[in-house]
Amino acid sequence: MAMKGITKNMGSVVRNLDSALNSMDLQKISAVMDKFESQFEELDVRTSVLEDSMGAATTLSTPKESVDALIQQ
């Protein structure tokens, strides 16, 4: 799922939560909150994977000599 899909799903959750809160239906509110939690966890995992990938790419592209020179300063 791309970020656009996640954004679209989060928008849907917000609209559903607004509707649930207006009706004060506790089961509906609980279901929407569960969906939000699930999507938030998925986003958290995707963010973590992206950060790890970016960190690995940066680590691999930085010459060892440059790092050593910086440490020596």
Protein backbone atom coordinates (compact mmCIF):
# COMPACT_ATOMS: atom_id res chain seq x y z
CA MET A 1 0.00 0.00 0.00
CA ALA A 2 1.47 3.32 -1.02
CA MET A 3 1.41 6.45 1.11
CA LYS A 4 -1.52 7.77 -0.95
CA GLY A 5 -3.49 4.67 0.03
CA ILE A 6 -2.64 5.09 3.69
CA THR A 7 -3.63 8.76 3.55
CA LYS A 8 -6.92 7.83 1.90
CA ASN A 9 -7.61 5.16 4.54
CA MET A 10 -6.82 7.56 7.38
CA GLY A 11 -9.23 10.09 5.88
CA SER A 12 -11.88 7.39 5.76
CA VAL A 13 -11.25 6.52 9.42
CA VAL A 14 -11.65 10.16 10.43
CA ARG A 15 -14.95 10.47 8.56
CA ASN A 16 -16.21 7.20 10.07
CA LEU A 17 -15.14 8.27 13.55
CA ASP A 18 -16.94 11.59 13.13
CA SER A 19 -20.09 9.72 12.14
CA ALA A 20 -19.71 7.27 15.03
CA LEU A 21 -19.17 10.05 17.55
CA ASN A 22 -22.22 11.91 16.31
CA SER A 23 -24.37 8.80 16.78
CA MET A 24 -22.65 7.94 20.10
CA ASP A 25 -22.77 4.25 19.08
CA LEU A 26 -20.05 2.73 21.27
CA GLN A 27 -19.69 -0.40 19.12
CA LYS A 28 -19.21 1.70 16.02
CA ILE A 29 -16.70 3.96 17.80
CA SER A 30 -14.78 0.91 19.01
CA ALA A 31 -14.69 -0.61 15.52
CA VAL A 32 -13.42 2.64 13.98
CA MET A 33 -10.77 3.04 16.68
CA ASP A 34 -9.62 -0.56 16.11
CA LYS A 35 -9.30 0.15 12.39
CA PHE A 36 -7.36 3.32 13.15
CA GLU A 37 -5.00 1.45 15.48
CA SER A 38 -4.40 -1.21 12.85
CA GLN A 39 -3.61 1.36 10.17
CA PHE A 40 -1.40 3.34 12.55
CA GLU A 41 0.59 0.20 13.38
CA GLU A 42 1.01 -0.52 9.66
CA LEU A 43 2.23 3.03 9.10
CA ASP A 44 4.64 2.67 12.01
CA VAL A 45 6.09 -0.53 10.52
CA ARG A 46 6.44 1.07 7.08
CA THR A 47 8.16 4.11 8.59
CA SER A 48 10.57 1.88 10.48
CA VAL A 49 11.43 -0.11 7.34
CA LEU A 50 11.97 3.10 5.38
CA GLU A 51 14.20 4.59 8.08
CA ASP A 52 16.25 1.39 8.26
CA SER A 53 16.62 1.30 4.49
CA MET A 54 17.66 4.95 4.33
CA GLY A 55 20.13 4.42 7.16
CA ALA A 56 21.66 1.43 5.41
CA ALA A 57 21.89 3.31 2.11
CA THR A 58 23.56 6.27 3.79
CA THR A 59 25.98 4.04 5.66
CA LEU A 60 26.95 2.22 2.48
CA SER A 61 27.46 5.39 0.46
CA THR A 62 29.69 7.23 2.94
CA PRO A 63 33.39 6.52 2.33
CA LYS A 64 35.18 5.12 5.38
CA GLU A 65 38.02 7.62 4.95
CA SER A 66 35.60 10.55 5.21
CA VAL A 67 34.14 9.18 8.42
CA ASP A 68 37.60 8.58 9.88
CA ALA A 69 38.74 12.09 8.93
CA LEU A 70 35.65 13.59 10.55
CA ILE A 71 36.29 11.62 13.74
CA GLN A 72 39.87 12.86 13.86
CA GLN A 73 38.78 16.53 13.77
